[in-house]
């Protein structure tokens, strides 16, 4: 039902879960490509991720 409204839901996260943005940099040329970027700072969320009701 949530997906039909165009929303996403994250449930059952522990309160100490460390959420991160996907890595957006370039491949360094060696090893496996990075998956994870910077950790999410809940006090300073970027504007595109904010929703006003």
PDB file of N, CA and C in Angstrom:
ATOM      1  N   UNK A   1       0.816  -1.181   0.000  1.00  0.00           N
ATOM      2  CA  UNK A   1       0.000   0.000   0.000  1.00  0.00           C
ATOM      3  C   UNK A   1       0.871   1.261   0.000  1.00  0.00           C
ATOM      4  N   UNK A   2       1.966   1.225   0.710  1.00  0.00           N
ATOM      5  CA  UNK A   2       2.856   2.379   0.754  1.00  0.00           C
ATOM      6  C   UNK A   2       3.466   2.642  -0.615  1.00  0.00           C
ATOM      7  N   UNK A   3       3.874   1.587  -1.317  1.00  0.00           N
ATOM      8  CA  UNK A   3       4.477   1.730  -2.640  1.00  0.00           C
ATOM      9  C   UNK A   3       3.488   2.308  -3.652  1.00  0.00           C
ATOM     10  N   UNK A   4       2.204   2.021  -3.523  1.00  0.00           N
ATOM     11  CA  UNK A   4       1.197   2.560  -4.432  1.00  0.00           C
ATOM     12  C   UNK A   4       1.081   4.077  -4.298  1.00  0.00           C
ATOM     13  N   UNK A   5       1.429   4.603  -3.148  1.00  0.00           N
ATOM     14  CA  UNK A   5       1.398   6.053  -2.927  1.00  0.00           C
ATOM     15  C   UNK A   5       2.705   6.713  -3.347  1.00  0.00           C
ATOM     16  N   UNK A   6       3.647   5.924  -3.874  1.00  0.00           N
ATOM     17  CA  UNK A   6       4.918   6.484  -4.311  1.00  0.00           C
ATOM     18  C   UNK A   6       5.902   6.705  -3.170  1.00  0.00           C
ATOM     19  N   UNK A   7       5.681   6.054  -2.051  1.00  0.00           N
ATOM     20  CA  UNK A   7       6.556   6.207  -0.898  1.00  0.00           C
ATOM     21  C   UNK A   7       7.384   4.944  -0.695  1.00  0.00           C
ATOM     22  N   UNK A   8       8.448   5.078   0.056  1.00  0.00           N
ATOM     23  CA  UNK A   8       9.256   3.933   0.447  1.00  0.00           C
ATOM     24  C   UNK A   8       9.237   3.863   1.966  1.00  0.00           C
ATOM     25  N   UNK A   9       9.343   2.681   2.482  1.00  0.00           N
ATOM     26  CA  UNK A   9       9.310   2.525   3.930  1.00  0.00           C
ATOM     27  C   UNK A   9      10.509   1.693   4.376  1.00  0.00           C
ATOM     28  N   UNK A  10      11.120   2.123   5.446  1.00  0.00           N
ATOM     29  CA  UNK A  10      12.194   1.360   6.070  1.00  0.00           C
ATOM     30  C   UNK A  10      11.679   0.978   7.442  1.00  0.00           C
ATOM     31  N   UNK A  11      11.639  -0.299   7.704  1.00  0.00           N
ATOM     32  CA  UNK A  11      11.109  -0.727   8.984  1.00  0.00           C
ATOM     33  C   UNK A  11      12.098  -1.644   9.687  1.00  0.00           C
ATOM     34  N   UNK A  12      11.899  -1.782  10.938  1.00  0.00           N
ATOM     35  CA  UNK A  12      12.687  -2.670  11.784  1.00  0.00           C
ATOM     36  C   UNK A  12      14.175  -2.341  11.774  1.00  0.00           C
ATOM     37  N   UNK A  13      14.502  -1.058  11.754  1.00  0.00           N
ATOM     38  CA  UNK A  13      15.892  -0.651  11.889  1.00  0.00           C
ATOM     39  C   UNK A  13      16.220  -0.529  13.360  1.00  0.00           C
ATOM     40  N   UNK A  14      17.413  -0.943  13.722  1.00  0.00           N
ATOM     41  CA  UNK A  14      17.858  -0.728  15.084  1.00  0.00           C
ATOM     42  C   UNK A  14      18.174   0.748  15.257  1.00  0.00           C
ATOM     43  N   UNK A  15      18.076   1.242  16.473  1.00  0.00           N
ATOM     44  CA  UNK A  15      18.313   2.665  16.696  1.00  0.00           C
ATOM     45  C   UNK A  15      19.766   3.053  16.503  1.00  0.00           C
ATOM     46  N   UNK A  16      20.680   2.081  16.451  1.00  0.00           N
ATOM     47  CA  UNK A  16      22.088   2.382  16.221  1.00  0.00           C
ATOM     48  C   UNK A  16      22.523   2.046  14.796  1.00  0.00           C
ATOM     49  N   UNK A  17      21.570   1.914  13.872  1.00  0.00           N
ATOM     50  CA  UNK A  17      21.899   1.622  12.479  1.00  0.00           C
ATOM     51  C   UNK A  17      22.619   2.807  11.844  1.00  0.00           C
ATOM     52  N   UNK A  18      23.634   2.506  11.065  1.00  0.00           N
ATOM     53  CA  UNK A  18      24.406   3.557  10.398  1.00  0.00           C
ATOM     54  C   UNK A  18      23.998   3.589   8.926  1.00  0.00           C
ATOM     55  N   UNK A  19      23.146   4.525   8.559  1.00  0.00           N
ATOM     56  CA  UNK A  19      22.711   4.655   7.174  1.00  0.00           C
ATOM     57  C   UNK A  19      23.707   5.523   6.412  1.00  0.00           C
ATOM     58  N   UNK A  20      23.966   5.154   5.152  1.00  0.00           N
ATOM     59  CA  UNK A  20      24.932   5.885   4.335  1.00  0.00           C
ATOM     60  C   UNK A  20      24.345   6.150   2.956  1.00  0.00           C
ATOM     61  N   UNK A  21      24.854   7.197   2.305  1.00  0.00           N
ATOM     62  CA  UNK A  21      24.501   7.487   0.925  1.00  0.00           C
ATOM     63  C   UNK A  21      25.301   6.559   0.013  1.00  0.00           C
ATOM     64  N   UNK A  22      24.804   6.270  -1.192  1.00  0.00           N
ATOM     65  CA  UNK A  22      25.605   5.505  -2.145  1.00  0.00           C
ATOM     66  C   UNK A  22      26.841   6.301  -2.557  1.00  0.00           C
ATOM     67  N   UNK A  23      27.919   5.610  -2.868  1.00  0.00           N
ATOM     68  CA  UNK A  23      29.159   6.263  -3.283  1.00  0.00           C
ATOM     69  C   UNK A  23      28.962   6.887  -4.657  1.00  0.00           C
ATOM     70  N   UNK A  24      29.349   8.143  -4.812  1.00  0.00           N
ATOM     71  CA  UNK A  24      29.135   8.833  -6.086  1.00  0.00           C
ATOM     72  C   UNK A  24      30.435   9.240  -6.762  1.00  0.00           C
ATOM     73  N   UNK A  25      31.565   8.842  -6.198  1.00  0.00           N
ATOM     74  CA  UNK A  25      32.844   9.212  -6.792  1.00  0.00           C
ATOM     75  C   UNK A  25      33.248   8.285  -7.932  1.00  0.00           C
ATOM     76  N   UNK A  26      34.410   8.543  -8.484  1.00  0.00           N
ATOM     77  CA  UNK A  26      34.904   7.730  -9.586  1.00  0.00           C
ATOM     78  C   UNK A  26      35.650   6.518  -9.058  1.00  0.00           C
ATOM     79  N   UNK A  27      35.760   5.510  -9.902  1.00  0.00           N
ATOM     80  CA  UNK A  27      36.502   4.298  -9.579  1.00  0.00           C
ATOM     81  C   UNK A  27      37.979   4.633  -9.450  1.00  0.00           C
ATOM     82  N   UNK A  28      38.627   4.144  -8.396  1.00  0.00           N
ATOM     83  CA  UNK A  28      40.022   4.478  -8.109  1.00  0.00           C
ATOM     84  C   UNK A  28      41.011   3.738  -9.014  1.00  0.00           C
ATOM     85  N   UNK A  29      40.565   2.710  -9.705  1.00  0.00           N
ATOM     86  CA  UNK A  29      41.446   2.006 -10.625  1.00  0.00           C
ATOM     87  C   UNK A  29      42.001   0.704 -10.076  1.00  0.00           C
ATOM     88  N   UNK A  30      41.767   0.436  -8.810  1.00  0.00           N
ATOM     89  CA  UNK A  30      42.240  -0.833  -8.254  1.00  0.00           C
ATOM     90  C   UNK A  30      41.257  -1.317  -7.203  1.00  0.00           C
ATOM     91  N   UNK A  31      41.196  -2.609  -7.045  1.00  0.00           N
ATOM     92  CA  UNK A  31      40.285  -3.210  -6.074  1.00  0.00           C
ATOM     93  C   UNK A  31      38.832  -3.149  -6.529  1.00  0.00           C
ATOM     94  N   UNK A  32      37.960  -3.563  -5.644  1.00  0.00           N
ATOM     95  CA  UNK A  32      36.529  -3.548  -5.948  1.00  0.00           C
ATOM     96  C   UNK A  32      36.004  -2.111  -5.882  1.00  0.00           C
ATOM     97  N   UNK A  33      35.038  -1.766  -6.721  1.00  0.00           N
ATOM     98  CA  UNK A  33      34.454  -0.421  -6.657  1.00  0.00           C
ATOM     99  C   UNK A  33      33.783  -0.188  -5.298  1.00  0.00           C
ATOM    100  N   UNK A  34      33.850   1.039  -4.815  1.00  0.00           N
ATOM    101  CA  UNK A  34      33.235   1.362  -3.533  1.00  0.00           C
ATOM    102  C   UNK A  34      31.717   1.350  -3.649  1.00  0.00           C
ATOM    103  N   UNK A  35      31.057   0.882  -2.603  1.00  0.00           N
ATOM    104  CA  UNK A  35      29.601   0.843  -2.559  1.00  0.00           C
ATOM    105  C   UNK A  35      29.031   1.971  -1.719  1.00  0.00           C
ATOM    106  N   UNK A  36      29.710   2.297  -0.632  1.00  0.00           N
ATOM    107  CA  UNK A  36      29.151   3.201   0.360  1.00  0.00           C
ATOM    108  C   UNK A  36      29.860   4.537   0.373  1.00  0.00           C
ATOM    109  N   UNK A  37      29.076   5.591   0.503  1.00  0.00           N
ATOM    110  CA  UNK A  37      29.621   6.937   0.578  1.00  0.00           C
ATOM    111  C   UNK A  37      29.635   7.428   2.010  1.00  0.00           C
ATOM    112  N   UNK A  38      29.329   8.703   2.192  1.00  0.00           N
ATOM    113  CA  UNK A  38      29.348   9.315   3.518  1.00  0.00           C
ATOM    114  C   UNK A  38      28.146   8.877   4.347  1.00  0.00           C
ATOM    115  N   UNK A  39      28.333   8.866   5.656  1.00  0.00           N
ATOM    116  CA  UNK A  39      27.238   8.551   6.563  1.00  0.00           C
ATOM    117  C   UNK A  39      26.226   9.697   6.548  1.00  0.00           C
ATOM    118  N   UNK A  40      24.984   9.380   6.838  1.00  0.00           N
ATOM    119  CA  UNK A  40      23.923  10.374   6.843  1.00  0.00           C
ATOM    120  C   UNK A  40      23.992  11.173   8.143  1.00  0.00           C
ATOM    121  N   UNK A  41      24.021  12.483   8.018  1.00  0.00           N
ATOM    122  CA  UNK A  41      23.980  13.381   9.166  1.00  0.00           C
ATOM    123  C   UNK A  41      22.537  13.850   9.311  1.00  0.00           C
ATOM    124  N   UNK A  42      21.845  13.327  10.299  1.00  0.00           N
ATOM    125  CA  UNK A  42      20.418  13.591  10.437  1.00  0.00           C
ATOM    126  C   UNK A  42      20.109  15.045  10.766  1.00  0.00           C
ATOM    127  N   UNK A  43      21.072  15.768  11.325  1.00  0.00           N
ATOM    128  CA  UNK A  43      20.841  17.174  11.654  1.00  0.00           C
ATOM    129  C   UNK A  43      20.969  18.083  10.432  1.00  0.00           C
ATOM    130  N   UNK A  44      21.661  17.628   9.387  1.00  0.00           N
ATOM    131  CA  UNK A  44      21.888  18.444   8.186  1.00  0.00           C
ATOM    132  C   UNK A  44      21.587  17.632   6.933  1.00  0.00           C
ATOM    133  N   UNK A  45      20.333  17.209   6.767  1.00  0.00           N
ATOM    134  CA  UNK A  45      19.956  16.437   5.595  1.00  0.00           C
ATOM    135  C   UNK A  45      19.948  17.320   4.355  1.00  0.00           C
ATOM    136  N   UNK A  46      20.443  16.808   3.217  1.00  0.00           N
ATOM    137  CA  UNK A  46      20.414  17.602   1.978  1.00  0.00           C
ATOM    138  C   UNK A  46      18.971  17.889   1.545  1.00  0.00           C
ATOM    139  N   UNK A  47      18.766  19.003   0.902  1.00  0.00           N
ATOM    140  CA  UNK A  47      17.441  19.467   0.473  1.00  0.00           C
ATOM    141  C   UNK A  47      16.674  18.441  -0.372  1.00  0.00           C
ATOM    142  N   UNK A  48      17.315  17.718  -1.326  1.00  0.00           N
ATOM    143  CA  UNK A  48      16.524  16.781  -2.148  1.00  0.00           C
ATOM    144  C   UNK A  48      15.896  15.646  -1.345  1.00  0.00           C
ATOM    145  N   UNK A  49      16.395  15.379  -0.153  1.00  0.00           N
ATOM    146  CA  UNK A  49      15.887  14.262   0.636  1.00  0.00           C
ATOM    147  C   UNK A  49      14.807  14.683   1.638  1.00  0.00           C
ATOM    148  N   UNK A  50      14.520  15.966   1.699  1.00  0.00           N
ATOM    149  CA  UNK A  50      13.490  16.443   2.628  1.00  0.00           C
ATOM    150  C   UNK A  50      12.127  16.442   1.945  1.00  0.00           C
ATOM    151  N   UNK A  51      11.109  16.062   2.687  1.00  0.00           N
ATOM    152  CA  UNK A  51       9.743  16.080   2.166  1.00  0.00           C
ATOM    153  C   UNK A  51       8.901  16.935   3.096  1.00  0.00           C
ATOM    154  N   UNK A  52       8.118  17.820   2.512  1.00  0.00           N
ATOM    155  CA  UNK A  52       7.213  18.643   3.294  1.00  0.00           C
ATOM    156  C   UNK A  52       5.798  18.111   3.094  1.00  0.00           C
ATOM    157  N   UNK A  53       5.133  17.910   4.177  1.00  0.00           N
ATOM    158  CA  UNK A  53       3.781  17.331   4.089  1.00  0.00           C
ATOM    159  C   UNK A  53       2.757  18.370   3.830  1.00  0.00           C
TER     160      UNK A  53
END
